[in-house]
């Protein structure tokens, strides 16, 4: 086979292959089933819901503050002198009881003053007795001289009866007694006693040191009670009782004080007792005072300076529901799923939002399902699937 015939043969084979391919393609196309057009369905979103439980709900108001003592004073002497004794409890953090002697000042000078004043009183008493005897003698003598006169004549004049001398002697005795009382009081003040059960927050005195009246020797605070100052908004104060502020009652709302101490969560019972004298001009907050009795009765104690969280027990709503805060949307709207798994927008009456929860006073019924899943786009009446149904289907 020459070169020209070979080339012609190759071309013929190519034409045959193309023709066979075209025939096969037409056959495949003819046998392909017709595709029917269908309308695309929007996917049904899946949501998580929570079932509503209605009933009495107590509103709790939470605040934070620092524990401070009910009373705090400076230990100050009223007399001067050398310090002879200091109680072992008079150290920073020391604990003492009411009536304990904390400091004793050298009493020698004051004992001498008592002796001197007592001697002056004795002298004044003797002078007063002498004046009385002289006055009686003068009155008797005058009566004898004017025995035949009238009743008015028989009464001696004040000078004759020595009434001025008697008054002077009496006044001298009273002055001497006052000096004695003052000396005894100064002697008593050489011992400084604790005015209440408490602890020492600071001391700056030592044995042998000379102290003068008015000098601060230590700072003491009472342990009979502690107070926490809670800055609260005006809206929060509406929900609980403050004696003399929101109510005329003598008792305020109960409170629970919480703090983490010594690696554990500790709680103490307290009570709202008052508000401070004026509002905070900068923040416009109301400073509510919560008092805890006997804060050092537990171990560890509710120590002064501890930062604590306080929950005040407020009013109770008779038929309310608590929902997650994430279920509440703008303008107090919640998404409710009905029995047909249709989502509805509903406006509710929110009494208070506290922490991660919201208390709904009106607008929800017991057993209803509220959506807690965030959705980008919603319409009233849209169909949804619930996560609970999905779990049931799996089972």
Protein backbone atom coordinates (compact mmCIF):
# COMPACT_ATOMS: atom_id res chain seq x y z
CA UNK A 1 0.00 0.00 0.00
CA UNK A 2 1.46 3.24 -1.09
CA UNK A 3 1.56 6.39 0.97
CA UNK A 4 -1.55 8.05 -0.63
CA UNK A 5 -3.83 5.04 -0.07
CA UNK A 6 -2.70 4.74 3.58
CA UNK A 7 -3.60 8.35 4.24
CA UNK A 8 -7.01 7.90 2.63
CA UNK A 9 -7.63 4.80 4.79
CA UNK A 10 -6.88 6.72 8.00
CA UNK A 11 -9.28 9.51 7.02
CA UNK A 12 -12.01 6.96 6.34
CA UNK A 13 -11.55 5.38 9.79
CA UNK A 14 -11.81 8.80 11.49
CA UNK A 15 -15.01 9.60 9.61
CA UNK A 16 -16.54 6.28 10.61
CA UNK A 17 -15.67 6.81 14.31
CA UNK A 18 -17.18 10.30 14.34
CA UNK A 19 -20.32 9.05 12.63
CA UNK A 20 -20.73 6.20 15.13
CA UNK A 21 -20.21 8.66 18.06
CA UNK A 22 -22.83 11.06 16.68
CA UNK A 23 -25.36 8.27 16.27
CA UNK A 24 -24.71 7.02 19.83
CA UNK A 25 -25.02 10.54 21.32
CA UNK A 26 -28.37 11.04 19.60
CA UNK A 27 -29.61 7.74 20.93
CA UNK A 28 -28.57 8.61 24.52
CA UNK A 29 -30.18 12.02 24.29
CA UNK A 30 -33.41 10.56 23.01
CA UNK A 31 -33.58 8.07 25.90
CA UNK A 32 -32.92 10.69 28.71
CA UNK A 33 -36.01 11.24 30.96
CA UNK A 34 -37.63 14.68 30.95
CA UNK A 35 -36.70 16.77 34.08
CA UNK A 36 -39.76 18.19 35.80
CA UNK A 37 -39.62 21.68 37.31
CA UNK A 38 -40.44 21.91 41.04
CA UNK A 39 -40.83 24.94 43.29
CA UNK A 40 -38.01 25.15 45.91
CA UNK A 41 -39.17 24.92 49.53
CA UNK A 42 -37.70 27.18 52.20
CA UNK A 43 -35.91 25.23 54.97
CA UNK A 44 -37.75 25.07 58.31
CA UNK A 45 -35.49 26.49 61.07
CA UNK A 46 -34.82 24.46 64.17
CA UNK A 47 -35.17 26.20 67.55
CA UNK A 48 -34.70 25.38 71.20
CA UNK A 49 -37.58 26.18 73.53
CA UNK A 50 -38.25 26.34 77.25
CA UNK A 51 -41.58 25.47 78.83
CA UNK A 52 -43.13 28.22 80.93
CA UNK A 53 -43.99 27.57 84.57
CA UNK A 54 -46.11 30.28 86.21
CA UNK A 55 -46.61 30.81 89.94
CA UNK A 56 -45.49 33.00 92.86
CA UNK A 57 -42.11 34.57 92.09
CA UNK A 58 -40.05 36.59 94.58
CA UNK A 59 -38.06 39.48 93.18
CA UNK A 60 -34.44 39.53 94.37
CA UNK A 61 -32.34 42.68 94.17
CA UNK A 62 -28.61 42.14 94.03
CA UNK A 63 -25.98 44.63 95.08
CA UNK A 64 -22.31 44.64 95.97
CA UNK A 65 -20.46 46.50 98.68
CA UNK A 66 -17.76 46.43 101.34
CA UNK A 67 -18.28 45.38 104.94
CA UNK A 68 -17.76 48.14 107.47
CA UNK A 69 -18.17 48.16 111.28
CA UNK A 70 -21.28 49.49 112.96
CA UNK A 71 -19.15 51.57 115.33
CA UNK A 72 -15.49 52.60 115.10
CA UNK A 73 -13.75 54.82 117.66
CA UNK A 74 -10.33 56.10 118.61
CA UNK A 75 -8.98 55.07 122.02
CA UNK A 76 -8.03 58.41 123.58
CA UNK A 77 -6.94 59.10 127.21
CA UNK A 78 -8.65 61.85 129.21
CA UNK A 79 -5.68 62.19 131.56
CA UNK A 80 -1.96 62.26 130.91
CA UNK A 81 0.81 60.13 132.32
CA UNK A 82 3.19 57.24 131.82
CA UNK A 83 1.76 54.00 130.41
CA UNK A 84 2.30 51.14 132.87
CA UNK A 85 0.16 48.40 131.30
CA UNK A 86 -1.10 47.45 127.85
CA UNK A 87 -3.54 44.57 127.31
CA UNK A 88 -2.28 41.66 125.18
CA UNK A 89 -5.43 42.19 123.07
CA UNK A 90 -4.31 45.71 122.13
CA UNK A 91 -2.58 44.66 118.91
CA UNK A 92 -3.69 44.98 115.32
CA UNK A 93 -6.43 42.37 114.95
CA UNK A 94 -6.71 41.71 118.68
CA UNK A 95 -10.11 40.82 120.11
CA UNK A 96 -11.50 42.12 123.41
CA UNK A 97 -14.71 42.13 125.44
CA UNK A 98 -16.66 44.99 126.91
CA UNK A 99 -15.13 46.19 130.20
CA UNK A 100 -11.64 44.77 129.57
CA UNK A 101 -8.80 47.05 130.73
CA UNK A 102 -6.84 47.94 127.60
CA UNK A 103 -4.39 50.56 128.96
CA UNK A 104 -3.39 51.61 132.48
CA UNK A 105 -1.68 54.95 133.12
CA UNK A 106 0.53 55.61 136.19
CA UNK A 107 -2.02 56.54 138.93
CA UNK A 108 0.35 57.90 141.63
CA UNK A 109 -0.20 61.60 140.88
CA UNK A 110 -3.96 61.08 140.81
CA UNK A 111 -3.96 59.10 144.07
CA UNK A 112 -2.16 61.99 145.74
CA UNK A 113 -4.72 64.40 144.32
CA UNK A 114 -7.49 62.28 145.85
CA UNK A 115 -5.76 62.35 149.25
CA UNK A 116 -5.34 66.13 149.06
CA UNK A 117 -8.95 66.69 148.04
CA UNK A 118 -10.17 64.36 150.81
CA UNK A 119 -8.23 66.38 153.41
CA UNK A 120 -9.75 69.61 152.14
CA UNK A 121 -13.21 68.09 152.47
CA UNK A 122 -12.51 67.12 156.08
CA UNK A 123 -11.32 70.66 156.83
CA UNK A 124 -14.41 72.16 155.20
CA UNK A 125 -16.67 69.84 157.19
CA UNK A 126 -15.08 70.95 160.47
CA UNK A 127 -15.42 74.62 159.52
CA UNK A 128 -19.08 74.06 158.65
CA UNK A 129 -19.73 72.41 162.05
CA UNK A 130 -18.03 75.29 163.81
CA UNK A 131 -20.10 77.82 161.87
CA UNK A 132 -23.29 75.97 162.80
CA UNK A 133 -22.40 75.98 166.53
CA UNK A 134 -21.59 79.68 166.45
CA UNK A 135 -24.83 80.45 164.66
CA UNK A 136 -26.89 78.52 167.24
CA UNK A 137 -25.13 80.29 170.13
CA UNK A 138 -25.77 83.69 168.57
CA UNK A 139 -29.46 82.91 168.07
CA UNK A 140 -29.85 81.76 171.73
CA UNK A 141 -28.13 84.86 173.04
CA UNK A 142 -30.34 87.13 170.95
CA UNK A 143 -33.45 85.30 172.15
CA UNK A 144 -32.47 85.80 175.81
CA UNK A 145 -31.86 89.53 175.31
CA UNK A 146 -35.23 90.05 173.58
CA UNK A 147 -37.35 87.61 175.52
CA UNK A 148 -39.92 90.34 176.46
CA UNK A 149 -40.23 91.71 172.93
CA UNK A 150 -42.55 90.78 170.12
CA UNK A 151 -42.11 87.70 168.00
CA UNK A 152 -40.48 89.76 165.25
CA UNK A 153 -38.01 91.27 167.74
CA UNK A 154 -37.03 87.84 169.04
CA UNK A 155 -35.78 86.83 165.52
CA UNK A 156 -32.11 87.88 165.13
CA UNK A 157 -30.84 89.67 161.99
CA UNK A 158 -28.91 87.53 159.43
CA UNK A 159 -25.55 88.97 160.43
CA UNK A 160 -26.19 88.30 164.11
CA UNK A 161 -27.34 84.76 163.28
CA UNK A 162 -24.12 84.34 161.26
CA UNK A 163 -26.03 83.20 158.20
CA UNK A 164 -23.40 84.52 155.70
CA UNK A 165 -20.62 82.68 157.56
CA UNK A 166 -22.72 79.50 157.58
CA UNK A 167 -23.38 79.79 153.80
CA UNK A 168 -19.69 80.37 153.13
CA UNK A 169 -18.73 77.28 155.12
CA UNK A 170 -21.35 75.25 153.27
CA UNK A 171 -20.07 76.48 149.89
CA UNK A 172 -16.49 75.64 150.83
CA UNK A 173 -17.54 72.11 151.72
CA UNK A 174 -19.36 71.70 148.40
CA UNK A 175 -16.33 72.98 146.48
CA UNK A 176 -14.09 70.58 148.36
CA UNK A 177 -16.43 67.71 147.60
CA UNK A 178 -16.41 68.65 143.92
CA UNK A 179 -12.59 68.66 143.93
CA UNK A 180 -12.64 65.21 145.52
CA UNK A 181 -15.09 63.89 142.93
CA UNK A 182 -12.92 65.30 140.16
CA UNK A 183 -9.79 63.71 141.64
CA UNK A 184 -11.55 60.35 141.95
CA UNK A 185 -12.78 60.62 138.35
CA UNK A 186 -9.26 61.39 137.11
CA UNK A 187 -7.93 58.41 139.05
CA UNK A 188 -10.62 56.20 137.51
CA UNK A 189 -9.66 57.46 134.05
CA UNK A 190 -6.11 56.12 134.43
CA UNK A 191 -7.65 52.81 133.39
CA UNK A 192 -9.00 52.76 129.83
CA UNK A 193 -11.64 50.06 129.45
CA UNK A 194 -13.25 48.66 126.31
CA UNK A 195 -16.67 50.29 125.71
CA UNK A 196 -17.95 47.31 123.69
CA UNK A 197 -17.04 43.87 122.35
CA UNK A 198 -14.73 44.46 119.44
CA UNK A 199 -11.41 44.24 117.70
CA UNK A 200 -8.39 46.45 117.15
CA UNK A 201 -7.77 47.82 113.68
CA UNK A 202 -4.72 49.93 114.58
CA UNK A 203 -2.55 50.66 117.63
CA UNK A 204 0.38 53.01 118.21
CA UNK A 205 1.21 52.87 121.92
CA UNK A 206 3.78 51.03 124.03
CA UNK A 207 4.64 50.52 127.70
CA UNK A 208 6.68 53.37 129.19
CA UNK A 209 5.40 55.93 126.71
CA UNK A 210 4.02 59.21 128.05
CA UNK A 211 0.57 60.05 126.76
CA UNK A 212 -1.33 63.30 126.96
CA UNK A 213 -5.09 63.92 126.95
CA UNK A 214 -6.56 63.65 123.46
CA UNK A 215 -3.73 61.57 122.01
CA UNK A 216 -4.94 58.65 119.83
CA UNK A 217 -3.53 55.38 121.13
CA UNK A 218 -5.52 52.88 119.04
CA UNK A 219 -8.53 52.48 116.74
CA UNK A 220 -11.25 50.06 117.83
CA UNK A 221 -14.36 48.79 116.11
CA UNK A 222 -17.40 46.95 117.39
CA UNK A 223 -18.16 43.33 116.46
CA UNK A 224 -21.79 43.37 117.60
CA UNK A 225 -22.91 44.14 114.05
CA UNK A 226 -21.57 44.98 110.61
CA UNK A 227 -23.04 47.02 107.76
CA UNK A 228 -22.80 46.86 103.97
CA UNK A 229 -23.51 49.91 101.82
CA UNK A 230 -25.22 48.96 98.54
CA UNK A 231 -25.49 51.61 95.79
CA UNK A 232 -28.80 50.83 94.02
CA UNK A 233 -30.81 52.43 91.26
CA UNK A 234 -34.08 54.17 92.02
CA UNK A 235 -36.05 51.45 90.16
CA UNK A 236 -34.55 48.72 92.35
CA UNK A 237 -35.61 50.44 95.58
CA UNK A 238 -39.27 50.08 94.51
CA UNK A 239 -39.22 46.32 95.10
CA UNK A 240 -38.32 46.08 98.80
CA UNK A 241 -38.91 47.74 102.19
CA UNK A 242 -36.56 50.34 103.64
CA UNK A 243 -37.64 51.59 107.09
CA UNK A 244 -38.29 55.31 107.04
CA UNK A 245 -37.77 55.55 103.27
CA UNK A 246 -40.17 53.32 101.31
CA UNK A 247 -42.25 52.24 104.30
CA UNK A 248 -43.06 53.30 107.82
CA UNK A 249 -42.45 49.82 109.17
CA UNK A 250 -39.74 49.27 111.74
CA UNK A 251 -38.41 46.17 109.97
CA UNK A 252 -36.84 46.15 106.53
CA UNK A 253 -36.57 43.40 103.95
CA UNK A 254 -34.41 40.37 104.65
CA UNK A 255 -31.11 39.97 102.85
CA UNK A 256 -28.52 37.26 102.28
CA UNK A 257 -24.86 38.26 102.23
CA UNK A 258 -22.48 36.07 100.23
CA UNK A 259 -18.72 36.06 99.97
CA UNK A 260 -15.99 33.63 99.03
CA UNK A 261 -13.69 33.23 102.01
CA UNK A 262 -11.12 30.59 102.92
CA UNK A 263 -11.80 28.81 99.63
CA UNK A 264 -15.53 28.35 100.28
CA UNK A 265 -18.78 30.19 99.59
CA UNK A 266 -20.07 31.67 102.87
CA UNK A 267 -23.46 33.19 103.65
CA UNK A 268 -24.81 35.44 106.43
CA UNK A 269 -28.34 36.65 107.16
CA UNK A 270 -28.95 40.38 107.20
CA UNK A 271 -31.66 43.02 107.13
CA UNK A 272 -32.21 46.34 105.37
CA UNK A 273 -32.14 49.02 108.09
CA UNK A 274 -32.00 52.41 106.33
CA UNK A 275 -30.57 54.52 103.53
CA UNK A 276 -27.72 56.95 103.93
CA UNK A 277 -28.52 60.61 104.48
CA UNK A 278 -28.34 61.72 100.85
CA UNK A 279 -28.14 60.39 97.32
CA UNK A 280 -24.83 60.16 95.50
CA UNK A 281 -24.69 63.43 93.56
CA UNK A 282 -22.39 61.97 90.92
CA UNK A 283 -24.07 58.63 90.17
CA UNK A 284 -27.62 59.46 91.41
CA UNK A 285 -27.64 56.11 93.21
CA UNK A 286 -29.36 55.43 96.54
CA UNK A 287 -27.05 53.97 99.18
CA UNK A 288 -28.99 51.24 101.00
CA UNK A 289 -27.60 49.95 104.31
CA UNK A 290 -27.84 46.23 105.15
CA UNK A 291 -26.96 45.17 108.69
CA UNK A 292 -25.67 41.76 109.79
CA UNK A 293 -25.84 40.94 113.50
CA UNK A 294 -22.91 39.15 115.17
CA UNK A 295 -20.74 38.90 112.05
CA UNK A 296 -17.90 37.29 114.03
CA UNK A 297 -19.99 34.44 115.45
CA UNK A 298 -19.02 32.21 112.49
CA UNK A 299 -15.59 31.05 111.48
CA UNK A 300 -14.31 32.48 109.26
CA UNK A 301 -16.17 35.69 110.13
CA UNK A 302 -17.74 38.39 108.00
CA UNK A 303 -14.60 40.47 108.34
CA UNK A 304 -14.49 44.24 108.04
CA UNK A 305 -13.24 45.28 104.61
CA UNK A 306 -14.53 42.14 102.85
CA UNK A 307 -16.16 42.73 99.44
CA UNK A 308 -19.51 40.90 99.37
CA UNK A 309 -22.56 40.29 97.20
CA UNK A 310 -25.94 40.90 98.81
CA UNK A 311 -29.33 39.55 97.66
CA UNK A 312 -32.30 41.45 99.07
CA UNK A 313 -35.59 39.57 99.23
CA UNK A 314 -38.18 41.82 97.62
CA UNK A 315 -41.88 41.65 96.83
CA UNK A 316 -43.54 38.43 95.65
CA UNK A 317 -45.54 38.46 92.40
CA UNK A 318 -48.53 36.08 92.70
CA UNK A 319 -48.56 34.67 89.15
CA UNK A 320 -45.39 35.33 87.20
CA UNK A 321 -42.95 33.40 85.02
CA UNK A 322 -39.16 33.39 84.93
CA UNK A 323 -37.60 33.18 81.46
CA UNK A 324 -34.00 33.33 80.26
CA UNK A 325 -32.92 36.83 79.39
CA UNK A 326 -31.96 35.59 75.91
CA UNK A 327 -35.65 34.89 75.22
CA UNK A 328 -36.55 38.55 75.70
CA UNK A 329 -36.24 40.76 72.62
CA UNK A 330 -36.58 44.44 71.88
CA UNK A 331 -39.79 46.15 73.03
CA UNK A 332 -40.44 43.30 75.51
CA UNK A 333 -41.26 40.76 72.78
CA UNK A 334 -40.96 36.98 73.17
CA UNK A 335 -41.33 34.28 70.53
CA UNK A 336 -43.95 31.67 71.43
CA UNK A 337 -44.33 28.33 69.60
CA UNK A 338 -47.90 26.98 69.42
CA UNK A 339 -49.06 23.36 69.19
CA UNK A 340 -48.76 23.45 65.38
CA UNK A 341 -45.10 24.50 65.63
CA UNK A 342 -45.88 27.99 64.45
CA UNK A 343 -43.88 30.89 65.84
CA UNK A 344 -45.77 33.93 67.14
CA UNK A 345 -44.50 37.29 68.38
CA UNK A 346 -46.03 38.30 71.69
CA UNK A 347 -45.60 41.40 73.84
CA UNK A 348 -45.26 40.69 77.57
CA UNK A 349 -45.18 42.73 80.79
CA UNK A 350 -41.66 42.44 82.22
CA UNK A 351 -41.53 43.18 85.94
CA UNK A 352 -37.75 43.05 86.32
CA UNK A 353 -34.61 41.79 84.62
CA UNK A 354 -32.11 40.35 87.09
CA UNK A 355 -28.90 38.73 85.96
CA UNK A 356 -29.52 36.14 83.24
CA UNK A 357 -33.24 35.96 83.98
CA UNK A 358 -36.31 38.10 83.38
CA UNK A 359 -39.49 38.00 85.47
CA UNK A 360 -42.61 38.27 83.30
CA UNK A 361 -45.63 39.48 85.26
CA UNK A 362 -48.22 39.12 82.50
CA UNK A 363 -48.47 37.79 78.92
CA UNK A 364 -47.45 34.15 79.27
CA UNK A 365 -49.51 31.11 80.25
CA UNK A 366 -48.43 28.00 82.10
CA UNK A 367 -47.10 25.30 79.74
CA UNK A 368 -46.40 27.56 76.75
CA UNK A 369 -43.14 27.18 74.85
CA UNK A 370 -40.82 30.18 74.44
CA UNK A 371 -37.98 30.22 71.90
CA UNK A 372 -34.51 30.75 73.36
CA UNK A 373 -32.59 30.30 70.08
CA UNK A 374 -31.53 33.49 68.25
CA UNK A 375 -32.84 33.74 64.67
CA UNK A 376 -31.74 36.25 62.04
CA UNK A 377 -35.08 36.61 60.26
CA UNK A 378 -38.52 35.75 61.57
CA UNK A 379 -42.14 36.30 60.62
CA UNK A 380 -45.25 35.95 62.69
CA UNK A 381 -46.72 32.52 62.03
CA UNK A 382 -43.63 30.94 60.46
CA UNK A 383 -43.13 27.20 60.82
CA UNK A 384 -40.31 25.93 63.04
CA UNK A 385 -38.92 22.67 64.27
CA UNK A 386 -38.03 22.14 67.90
CA UNK A 387 -34.93 20.46 69.24
CA UNK A 388 -37.09 18.32 71.53
CA UNK A 389 -38.92 16.79 68.56
CA UNK A 390 -35.61 16.00 66.92
CA UNK A 391 -34.45 14.12 69.99
CA UNK A 392 -37.72 12.17 70.10
CA UNK A 393 -37.34 11.24 66.42
CA UNK A 394 -33.88 9.84 67.10
CA UNK A 395 -35.22 7.67 69.90
